[in-house]
Amino acid sequence: MILIVKRNVPPSYLLGRGIKQTESDYKLFDLCPDEYLSGKRRFPKFKNSIYNAKQVKKALLKSQFNKCCYCESKPLAPRDLAIEHFRPKSEVRQTRSTEKEYPGYYWLSYEWDNLLLSCHECNSGYKGILFPLANPHHRARCHHDDISLEQPLFIHPATQNPRKHIQFEDESPKALTPIGETTIEGLGLCRSSLRERRFEKLQLLKTFLDIVECAKKKPRDSDLRAVAGKAQEFLKAAILPDAEYSSMAQDFMLRRQVLGVTRQSA
């Protein structure tokens, strides 16, 4: 995971239709709060046309470099990244084995800070409606509650620097904090398919790094120097924020002490 820097001003679609729909949901809840809290009454279908509007998704794609906000995978097409509500909008679970809690964070359905883009596996395969808190008794249940009292156990990559919680040893993410540990487990960041993709990227990094180091030992080999130059360009690009699995690449380069790499800090 990397820190995601989103634009400060939300897309106009959220400021217009999003705010209007949120106010409508406030009124619905206040008519019969107990029924919504029990799950007996549910909100009408949330407006996908608002939070998934073209301008909203375009802004998220730009800020996330077309990568999943959690695992940093780049799908074959940007359309394969789906809108992710960091705090689930319709219902929520503290753990996979606990009962669902209602009505979910309905008042954040169109809130810019709550919207991200994630791949299908991270979103539907693992996270779903899971949203663990260190203090579950302080969970905000409606728009009247103080959400600042919550202490989420998942990293929010647009408000927290994930690099302070998770680092990599080769293709495997390692937790530095309890939040990092819960995030890795809850989002499946150690799943085999993801580790295989990271491993392939890591092998490329090792191969190109070997070429660079070999060229240093043979400074008179002009052909090798030319190839090494291309390899070094690849290595430098691999640690940039727009690169797939750039956090893994940064930690690999840092261990090998090449290219003057430093971990992101914000």
C-alpha atoms as a PDB file:
ATOM      1  CA  MET A   1       0.000   0.000   0.000  1.00  0.00           C
ATOM      2  CA  ILE A   2       1.065   3.577  -0.627  1.00  0.00           C
ATOM      3  CA  LEU A   3      -0.183   6.935   0.558  1.00  0.00           C
ATOM      4  CA  ILE A   4      -2.905   8.219  -1.766  1.00  0.00           C
ATOM      5  CA  VAL A   5      -3.046  11.976  -2.252  1.00  0.00           C
ATOM      6  CA  LYS A   6      -6.576  12.929  -3.314  1.00  0.00           C
ATOM      7  CA  ARG A   7      -7.678  16.319  -4.564  1.00  0.00           C
ATOM      8  CA  ASN A   8      -8.859  18.610  -1.782  1.00  0.00           C
ATOM      9  CA  VAL A   9     -12.099  19.660  -3.464  1.00  0.00           C
ATOM     10  CA  PRO A  10     -14.548  16.792  -4.093  1.00  0.00           C
ATOM     11  CA  PRO A  11     -15.929  16.311  -7.627  1.00  0.00           C
ATOM     12  CA  SER A  12     -18.931  18.571  -8.207  1.00  0.00           C
ATOM     13  CA  TYR A  13     -21.233  15.565  -8.613  1.00  0.00           C
ATOM     14  CA  LEU A  14     -20.694  14.701  -4.948  1.00  0.00           C
ATOM     15  CA  LEU A  15     -21.169  18.291  -3.838  1.00  0.00           C
ATOM     16  CA  GLY A  16     -24.431  18.526  -5.749  1.00  0.00           C
ATOM     17  CA  ARG A  17     -26.418  15.304  -6.047  1.00  0.00           C
ATOM     18  CA  GLY A  18     -24.401  13.586  -3.331  1.00  0.00           C
ATOM     19  CA  ILE A  19     -25.222  16.137  -0.639  1.00  0.00           C
ATOM     20  CA  LYS A  20     -28.867  16.245  -1.699  1.00  0.00           C
ATOM     21  CA  GLN A  21     -29.207  12.453  -1.470  1.00  0.00           C
ATOM     22  CA  THR A  22     -27.422  12.367   1.885  1.00  0.00           C
ATOM     23  CA  GLU A  23     -29.867  14.916   3.312  1.00  0.00           C
ATOM     24  CA  SER A  24     -32.728  12.758   2.051  1.00  0.00           C
ATOM     25  CA  ASP A  25     -31.238   9.720   3.819  1.00  0.00           C
ATOM     26  CA  TYR A  26     -30.933  11.735   7.058  1.00  0.00           C
ATOM     27  CA  LYS A  27     -34.664  12.424   6.961  1.00  0.00           C
ATOM     28  CA  LEU A  28     -35.532   8.791   6.259  1.00  0.00           C
ATOM     29  CA  PHE A  29     -33.474   7.600   9.215  1.00  0.00           C
ATOM     30  CA  ASP A  30     -34.926  10.175  11.602  1.00  0.00           C
ATOM     31  CA  LEU A  31     -38.484   9.059  10.804  1.00  0.00           C
ATOM     32  CA  CYS A  32     -37.910   5.631  12.383  1.00  0.00           C
ATOM     33  CA  PRO A  33     -34.325   5.267  13.728  1.00  0.00           C
ATOM     34  CA  ASP A  34     -35.005   2.100  15.730  1.00  0.00           C
ATOM     35  CA  GLU A  35     -36.154   0.227  12.640  1.00  0.00           C
ATOM     36  CA  TYR A  36     -33.023   1.191  10.723  1.00  0.00           C
ATOM     37  CA  LEU A  37     -30.752   0.294  13.639  1.00  0.00           C
ATOM     38  CA  SER A  38     -32.379  -3.138  13.968  1.00  0.00           C
ATOM     39  CA  GLY A  39     -32.173  -3.820  10.245  1.00  0.00           C
ATOM     40  CA  LYS A  40     -35.941  -4.154   9.971  1.00  0.00           C
ATOM     41  CA  ARG A  41     -35.996  -1.180   7.610  1.00  0.00           C
ATOM     42  CA  ARG A  42     -33.328  -0.625   4.971  1.00  0.00           C
ATOM     43  CA  PHE A  43     -32.452   2.397   2.893  1.00  0.00           C
ATOM     44  CA  PRO A  44     -33.586   2.438  -0.737  1.00  0.00           C
ATOM     45  CA  LYS A  45     -30.862   1.307  -3.089  1.00  0.00           C
ATOM     46  CA  PHE A  46     -27.866   3.629  -2.805  1.00  0.00           C
ATOM     47  CA  LYS A  47     -27.299   5.801  -5.858  1.00  0.00           C
ATOM     48  CA  ASN A  48     -24.460   4.155  -7.763  1.00  0.00           C
ATOM     49  CA  SER A  49     -24.914   6.833 -10.389  1.00  0.00           C
ATOM     50  CA  ILE A  50     -23.638   9.415  -7.885  1.00  0.00           C
ATOM     51  CA  TYR A  51     -20.629   7.823  -6.173  1.00  0.00           C
ATOM     52  CA  ASN A  52     -19.687   5.939  -9.351  1.00  0.00           C
ATOM     53  CA  ALA A  53     -20.124   8.953 -11.626  1.00  0.00           C
ATOM     54  CA  LYS A  54     -17.549   9.306 -14.395  1.00  0.00           C
ATOM     55  CA  GLN A  55     -15.948  12.408 -12.892  1.00  0.00           C
ATOM     56  CA  VAL A  56     -15.667  10.753  -9.474  1.00  0.00           C
ATOM     57  CA  LYS A  57     -13.994   7.639 -10.815  1.00  0.00           C
ATOM     58  CA  LYS A  58     -11.713   9.676 -13.076  1.00  0.00           C
ATOM     59  CA  ALA A  59     -10.473  11.703 -10.092  1.00  0.00           C
ATOM     60  CA  LEU A  60      -9.843   8.544  -8.070  1.00  0.00           C
ATOM     61  CA  LEU A  61      -8.013   6.833 -10.929  1.00  0.00           C
ATOM     62  CA  LYS A  62      -5.708   9.833 -11.226  1.00  0.00           C
ATOM     63  CA  SER A  63      -4.915  10.002  -7.519  1.00  0.00           C
ATOM     64  CA  GLN A  64      -4.355   6.239  -7.301  1.00  0.00           C
ATOM     65  CA  PHE A  65      -2.334   5.931 -10.528  1.00  0.00           C
ATOM     66  CA  ASN A  66      -4.843   3.352 -11.824  1.00  0.00           C
ATOM     67  CA  LYS A  67      -3.892   1.021  -8.963  1.00  0.00           C
ATOM     68  CA  CYS A  68      -5.945  -0.764  -6.332  1.00  0.00           C
ATOM     69  CA  CYS A  69      -5.896   1.371  -3.188  1.00  0.00           C
ATOM     70  CA  TYR A  70      -4.996  -1.655  -1.068  1.00  0.00           C
ATOM     71  CA  CYS A  71      -2.843  -4.177  -2.954  1.00  0.00           C
ATOM     72  CA  GLU A  72      -1.388  -1.842  -5.642  1.00  0.00           C
ATOM     73  CA  SER A  73      -2.364  -4.185  -8.468  1.00  0.00           C
ATOM     74  CA  LYS A  74      -3.065  -2.629 -11.864  1.00  0.00           C
ATOM     75  CA  PRO A  75      -5.916  -4.365 -13.686  1.00  0.00           C
ATOM     76  CA  LEU A  76      -5.861  -4.767 -17.448  1.00  0.00           C
ATOM     77  CA  ALA A  77      -8.443  -1.978 -17.728  1.00  0.00           C
ATOM     78  CA  PRO A  78      -9.281   0.846 -15.264  1.00  0.00           C
ATOM     79  CA  ARG A  79     -12.946  -0.202 -15.395  1.00  0.00           C
ATOM     80  CA  ASP A  80     -11.950  -3.307 -13.438  1.00  0.00           C
ATOM     81  CA  LEU A  81     -11.341  -1.120 -10.372  1.00  0.00           C
ATOM     82  CA  ALA A  82     -14.586  -0.630  -8.443  1.00  0.00           C
ATOM     83  CA  ILE A  83     -15.682   2.117  -6.093  1.00  0.00           C
ATOM     84  CA  GLU A  84     -14.793   1.110  -2.546  1.00  0.00           C
ATOM     85  CA  HIS A  85     -16.470   2.598   0.517  1.00  0.00           C
ATOM     86  CA  PHE A  86     -13.806   2.549   3.224  1.00  0.00           C
ATOM     87  CA  ARG A  87     -16.561   2.542   5.827  1.00  0.00           C
ATOM     88  CA  PRO A  88     -19.252   0.178   4.434  1.00  0.00           C
ATOM     89  CA  LYS A  89     -22.428   2.016   3.495  1.00  0.00           C
ATOM     90  CA  SER A  90     -25.272  -0.484   4.057  1.00  0.00           C
ATOM     91  CA  GLU A  91     -24.161  -2.847   6.850  1.00  0.00           C
ATOM     92  CA  VAL A  92     -20.986  -3.669   8.752  1.00  0.00           C
ATOM     93  CA  ARG A  93     -19.231  -6.460  10.654  1.00  0.00           C
ATOM     94  CA  GLN A  94     -16.586  -6.193  13.375  1.00  0.00           C
ATOM     95  CA  THR A  95     -15.198  -9.644  12.454  1.00  0.00           C
ATOM     96  CA  ARG A  96     -16.150 -12.279   9.912  1.00  0.00           C
ATOM     97  CA  SER A  97     -17.848 -14.335  12.611  1.00  0.00           C
ATOM     98  CA  THR A  98     -19.849 -11.570  14.312  1.00  0.00           C
ATOM     99  CA  GLU A  99     -23.375 -10.525  13.437  1.00  0.00           C
ATOM    100  CA  LYS A 100     -24.047  -7.772  10.925  1.00  0.00           C
ATOM    101  CA  GLU A 101     -24.690  -4.320  12.348  1.00  0.00           C
ATOM    102  CA  TYR A 102     -27.154  -1.965  10.708  1.00  0.00           C
ATOM    103  CA  PRO A 103     -27.614   0.376   8.993  1.00  0.00           C
ATOM    104  CA  GLY A 104     -23.931   0.844   8.096  1.00  0.00           C
ATOM    105  CA  TYR A 105     -22.344   4.212   7.362  1.00  0.00           C
ATOM    106  CA  TYR A 106     -25.149   5.398   5.099  1.00  0.00           C
ATOM    107  CA  TRP A 107     -24.285   9.066   5.677  1.00  0.00           C
ATOM    108  CA  LEU A 108     -20.837   8.523   4.108  1.00  0.00           C
ATOM    109  CA  SER A 109     -22.112   6.905   0.904  1.00  0.00           C
ATOM    110  CA  TYR A 110     -21.275   9.995  -1.158  1.00  0.00           C
ATOM    111  CA  GLU A 111     -18.531  11.417   1.059  1.00  0.00           C
ATOM    112  CA  TRP A 112     -15.317  12.061  -0.884  1.00  0.00           C
ATOM    113  CA  ASP A 113     -13.046  11.008   1.982  1.00  0.00           C
ATOM    114  CA  ASN A 114     -14.818   7.635   2.188  1.00  0.00           C
ATOM    115  CA  LEU A 115     -14.425   6.764  -1.501  1.00  0.00           C
ATOM    116  CA  LEU A 116     -11.539   4.801  -3.018  1.00  0.00           C
ATOM    117  CA  LEU A 117     -11.001   2.356  -5.869  1.00  0.00           C
ATOM    118  CA  SER A 118     -10.094  -1.257  -5.260  1.00  0.00           C
ATOM    119  CA  CYS A 119      -9.760  -4.498  -7.175  1.00  0.00           C
ATOM    120  CA  HIS A 120     -12.436  -7.191  -6.990  1.00  0.00           C
ATOM    121  CA  GLU A 121     -10.396  -9.497  -4.759  1.00  0.00           C
ATOM    122  CA  CYS A 122      -9.605  -6.876  -2.116  1.00  0.00           C
ATOM    123  CA  ASN A 123     -13.118  -5.417  -2.202  1.00  0.00           C
ATOM    124  CA  SER A 124     -15.520  -8.325  -2.665  1.00  0.00           C
ATOM    125  CA  GLY A 125     -13.248 -11.278  -1.948  1.00  0.00           C
ATOM    126  CA  TYR A 126     -11.905 -10.077   1.397  1.00  0.00           C
ATOM    127  CA  LYS A 127     -13.010  -6.733   2.841  1.00  0.00           C
ATOM    128  CA  GLY A 128     -16.702  -6.709   1.925  1.00  0.00           C
ATOM    129  CA  ILE A 129     -18.592  -5.243   4.887  1.00  0.00           C
ATOM    130  CA  LEU A 130     -15.760  -5.964   7.323  1.00  0.00           C
ATOM    131  CA  PHE A 131     -14.709  -2.877   9.277  1.00  0.00           C
ATOM    132  CA  PRO A 132     -13.037  -3.713  12.611  1.00  0.00           C
ATOM    133  CA  LEU A 133     -12.540  -1.125  15.329  1.00  0.00           C
ATOM    134  CA  ALA A 134     -10.201  -1.194  18.320  1.00  0.00           C
ATOM    135  CA  ASN A 135     -13.169   0.128  20.320  1.00  0.00           C
ATOM    136  CA  PRO A 136     -16.290  -1.460  18.755  1.00  0.00           C
ATOM    137  CA  HIS A 137     -18.559  -0.024  21.462  1.00  0.00           C
ATOM    138  CA  HIS A 138     -17.766   3.436  20.067  1.00  0.00           C
ATOM    139  CA  ARG A 139     -18.904   2.579  16.553  1.00  0.00           C
ATOM    140  CA  ALA A 140     -20.953   5.373  14.973  1.00  0.00           C
ATOM    141  CA  ARG A 141     -24.363   3.927  14.158  1.00  0.00           C
ATOM    142  CA  CYS A 142     -25.959   6.990  12.564  1.00  0.00           C
ATOM    143  CA  HIS A 143     -25.249  10.505  11.371  1.00  0.00           C
ATOM    144  CA  HIS A 144     -25.874  11.899  14.864  1.00  0.00           C
ATOM    145  CA  ASP A 145     -22.925   9.957  16.345  1.00  0.00           C
ATOM    146  CA  ASP A 146     -19.356  11.245  16.631  1.00  0.00           C
ATOM    147  CA  ILE A 147     -17.303   9.206  14.182  1.00  0.00           C
ATOM    148  CA  SER A 148     -14.066  10.733  15.476  1.00  0.00           C
ATOM    149  CA  LEU A 149     -14.354   8.459  18.535  1.00  0.00           C
ATOM    150  CA  GLU A 150     -13.737   5.406  16.336  1.00  0.00           C
ATOM    151  CA  GLN A 151     -10.319   3.791  16.058  1.00  0.00           C
ATOM    152  CA  PRO A 152     -10.369   1.784  12.787  1.00  0.00           C
ATOM    153  CA  LEU A 153      -8.061  -1.214  12.529  1.00  0.00           C
ATOM    154  CA  PHE A 154      -7.821  -0.943   8.741  1.00  0.00           C
ATOM    155  CA  ILE A 155      -5.393   1.527   7.202  1.00  0.00           C
ATOM    156  CA  HIS A 156      -7.082   4.331   5.302  1.00  0.00           C
ATOM    157  CA  PRO A 157      -4.502   4.926   2.541  1.00  0.00           C
ATOM    158  CA  ALA A 158      -5.764   8.463   1.845  1.00  0.00           C
ATOM    159  CA  THR A 159      -5.486   9.687   5.439  1.00  0.00           C
ATOM    160  CA  GLN A 160      -2.708   7.493   6.878  1.00  0.00           C
ATOM    161  CA  ASN A 161       0.685   6.594   5.483  1.00  0.00           C
ATOM    162  CA  PRO A 162       0.553   2.801   5.030  1.00  0.00           C
ATOM    163  CA  ARG A 163       4.354   2.644   5.031  1.00  0.00           C
ATOM    164  CA  LYS A 164       4.337   3.349   8.760  1.00  0.00           C
ATOM    165  CA  HIS A 165       2.322   0.181   9.309  1.00  0.00           C
ATOM    166  CA  ILE A 166       3.423  -2.254   6.573  1.00  0.00           C
ATOM    167  CA  GLN A 167       6.766  -2.984   4.924  1.00  0.00           C
ATOM    168  CA  PHE A 168       7.957  -5.795   2.675  1.00  0.00           C
ATOM    169  CA  GLU A 169      10.401  -8.657   2.941  1.00  0.00           C
ATOM    170  CA  ASP A 170      10.739  -9.728  -0.675  1.00  0.00           C
ATOM    171  CA  GLU A 171       7.170 -10.336  -1.927  1.00  0.00           C
ATOM    172  CA  SER A 172       5.624 -10.705   1.551  1.00  0.00           C
ATOM    173  CA  PRO A 173       4.093  -7.784   3.489  1.00  0.00           C
ATOM    174  CA  LYS A 174       5.124  -7.582   7.132  1.00  0.00           C
ATOM    175  CA  ALA A 175       3.178  -5.703   9.789  1.00  0.00           C
ATOM    176  CA  LEU A 176       4.910  -3.039  11.844  1.00  0.00           C
ATOM    177  CA  THR A 177       1.831  -2.260  13.950  1.00  0.00           C
ATOM    178  CA  PRO A 178      -1.424  -3.932  15.028  1.00  0.00           C
ATOM    179  CA  ILE A 179      -3.238  -1.851  12.393  1.00  0.00           C
ATOM    180  CA  GLY A 180      -0.851  -3.170   9.768  1.00  0.00           C
ATOM    181  CA  GLU A 181      -1.434  -6.741  10.929  1.00  0.00           C
ATOM    182  CA  THR A 182      -5.234  -6.418  10.794  1.00  0.00           C
ATOM    183  CA  THR A 183      -5.055  -4.766   7.370  1.00  0.00           C
ATOM    184  CA  ILE A 184      -2.867  -7.510   5.899  1.00  0.00           C
ATOM    185  CA  GLU A 185      -5.118 -10.251   7.241  1.00  0.00           C
ATOM    186  CA  GLY A 186      -8.469  -8.577   6.602  1.00  0.00           C
ATOM    187  CA  LEU A 187      -7.693  -7.519   3.028  1.00  0.00           C
ATOM    188  CA  GLY A 188      -5.891 -10.709   2.049  1.00  0.00           C
ATOM    189  CA  LEU A 189      -2.647  -8.905   1.232  1.00  0.00           C
ATOM    190  CA  CYS A 190      -0.779 -12.200   1.686  1.00  0.00           C
ATOM    191  CA  ARG A 191      -3.061 -14.200  -0.633  1.00  0.00           C
ATOM    192  CA  SER A 192      -1.197 -16.593  -2.905  1.00  0.00           C
ATOM    193  CA  SER A 193      -2.288 -15.039  -6.217  1.00  0.00           C
ATOM    194  CA  LEU A 194      -1.053 -11.629  -5.095  1.00  0.00           C
ATOM    195  CA  ARG A 195       2.242 -12.971  -3.787  1.00  0.00           C
ATOM    196  CA  GLU A 196       2.820 -14.706  -7.112  1.00  0.00           C
ATOM    197  CA  ARG A 197       2.346 -11.436  -9.009  1.00  0.00           C
ATOM    198  CA  ARG A 198       4.675  -9.627  -6.643  1.00  0.00           C
ATOM    199  CA  PHE A 199       7.223 -12.439  -6.934  1.00  0.00           C
ATOM    200  CA  GLU A 200       7.271 -12.057 -10.727  1.00  0.00           C
ATOM    201  CA  LYS A 201       7.907  -8.326 -10.354  1.00  0.00           C
ATOM    202  CA  LEU A 202      10.608  -9.001  -7.778  1.00  0.00           C
ATOM    203  CA  GLN A 203      12.426 -11.405 -10.083  1.00  0.00           C
ATOM    204  CA  LEU A 204      12.537  -8.698 -12.752  1.00  0.00           C
ATOM    205  CA  LEU A 205      13.977  -6.248 -10.235  1.00  0.00           C
ATOM    206  CA  LYS A 206      16.655  -8.737  -9.203  1.00  0.00           C
ATOM    207  CA  THR A 207      17.550  -9.509 -12.823  1.00  0.00           C
ATOM    208  CA  PHE A 208      17.925  -5.858 -13.788  1.00  0.00           C
ATOM    209  CA  LEU A 209      19.853  -5.086 -10.625  1.00  0.00           C
ATOM    210  CA  ASP A 210      22.280  -7.932 -11.396  1.00  0.00           C
ATOM    211  CA  ILE A 211      22.829  -6.413 -14.845  1.00  0.00           C
ATOM    212  CA  VAL A 212      23.602  -3.004 -13.323  1.00  0.00           C
ATOM    213  CA  GLU A 213      26.041  -4.480 -10.821  1.00  0.00           C
ATOM    214  CA  CYS A 214      27.693  -6.627 -13.471  1.00  0.00           C
ATOM    215  CA  ALA A 215      28.249  -3.558 -15.659  1.00  0.00           C
ATOM    216  CA  LYS A 216      30.036  -1.814 -12.800  1.00  0.00           C
ATOM    217  CA  LYS A 217      32.559  -4.644 -12.746  1.00  0.00           C
ATOM    218  CA  LYS A 218      33.142  -4.402 -16.510  1.00  0.00           C
ATOM    219  CA  PRO A 219      33.338  -0.656 -17.218  1.00  0.00           C
ATOM    220  CA  ARG A 220      34.969  -1.188 -20.638  1.00  0.00           C
ATOM    221  CA  ASP A 221      32.113  -3.290 -21.995  1.00  0.00           C
ATOM    222  CA  SER A 222      30.132  -0.659 -23.920  1.00  0.00           C
ATOM    223  CA  ASP A 223      27.338  -3.052 -24.913  1.00  0.00           C
ATOM    224  CA  LEU A 224      26.841  -4.126 -21.321  1.00  0.00           C
ATOM    225  CA  ARG A 225      26.854  -0.486 -20.161  1.00  0.00           C
ATOM    226  CA  ALA A 226      24.087   0.309 -22.655  1.00  0.00           C
ATOM    227  CA  VAL A 227      21.942  -2.570 -21.390  1.00  0.00           C
ATOM    228  CA  ALA A 228      22.678  -1.566 -17.802  1.00  0.00           C
ATOM    229  CA  GLY A 229      21.469   1.950 -18.539  1.00  0.00           C
ATOM    230  CA  LYS A 230      18.102   0.598 -19.649  1.00  0.00           C
ATOM    231  CA  ALA A 231      17.997  -1.666 -16.599  1.00  0.00           C
ATOM    232  CA  GLN A 232      18.668   1.251 -14.294  1.00  0.00           C
ATOM    233  CA  GLU A 233      15.825   3.219 -15.886  1.00  0.00           C
ATOM    234  CA  PHE A 234      13.495   0.291 -15.162  1.00  0.00           C
ATOM    235  CA  LEU A 235      14.639   0.122 -11.541  1.00  0.00           C
ATOM    236  CA  LYS A 236      14.119   3.836 -10.996  1.00  0.00           C
ATOM    237  CA  ALA A 237      10.627   3.667 -12.525  1.00  0.00           C
ATOM    238  CA  ALA A 238       9.715   0.685 -10.323  1.00  0.00           C
ATOM    239  CA  ILE A 239       9.912   2.720  -7.112  1.00  0.00           C
ATOM    240  CA  LEU A 240       7.762   5.612  -8.332  1.00  0.00           C
ATOM    241  CA  PRO A 241       4.208   5.898  -6.916  1.00  0.00           C
ATOM    242  CA  ASP A 242       2.597   5.089 -10.265  1.00  0.00           C
ATOM    243  CA  ALA A 243       4.385   1.725 -10.543  1.00  0.00           C
ATOM    244  CA  GLU A 244       2.625  -1.507  -9.688  1.00  0.00           C
ATOM    245  CA  TYR A 245       3.782  -2.796  -6.269  1.00  0.00           C
ATOM    246  CA  SER A 246       6.038   0.236  -5.783  1.00  0.00           C
ATOM    247  CA  SER A 247       6.087  -0.182  -1.986  1.00  0.00           C
ATOM    248  CA  MET A 248       7.588  -3.665  -2.372  1.00  0.00           C
ATOM    249  CA  ALA A 249      10.126  -2.328  -4.873  1.00  0.00           C
ATOM    250  CA  GLN A 250      11.144   0.483  -2.526  1.00  0.00           C
ATOM    251  CA  ASP A 251      11.857  -1.905   0.325  1.00  0.00           C
ATOM    252  CA  PHE A 252      13.773  -4.262  -1.945  1.00  0.00           C
ATOM    253  CA  MET A 253      15.935  -1.422  -3.271  1.00  0.00           C
ATOM    254  CA  LEU A 254      16.471  -0.071   0.223  1.00  0.00           C
ATOM    255  CA  ARG A 255      17.782  -3.410   1.421  1.00  0.00           C
ATOM    256  CA  ARG A 256      20.128  -3.561  -1.543  1.00  0.00           C
ATOM    257  CA  GLN A 257      21.079   0.081  -0.912  1.00  0.00           C
ATOM    258  CA  VAL A 258      20.804   1.185  -4.517  1.00  0.00           C
ATOM    259  CA  LEU A 259      19.472   4.231  -6.352  1.00  0.00           C
ATOM    260  CA  GLY A 260      19.377   6.296  -3.167  1.00  0.00           C
ATOM    261  CA  VAL A 261      15.950   4.941  -2.284  1.00  0.00           C
ATOM    262  CA  THR A 262      14.241   6.201   0.866  1.00  0.00           C
ATOM    263  CA  ARG A 263      10.915   4.992   2.236  1.00  0.00           C
ATOM    264  CA  GLN A 264       7.952   7.294   1.767  1.00  0.00           C
ATOM    265  CA  SER A 265       7.150   9.324   4.844  1.00  0.00           C
ATOM    266  CA  ALA A 266       4.216  11.663   5.220  1.00  0.00           C
END
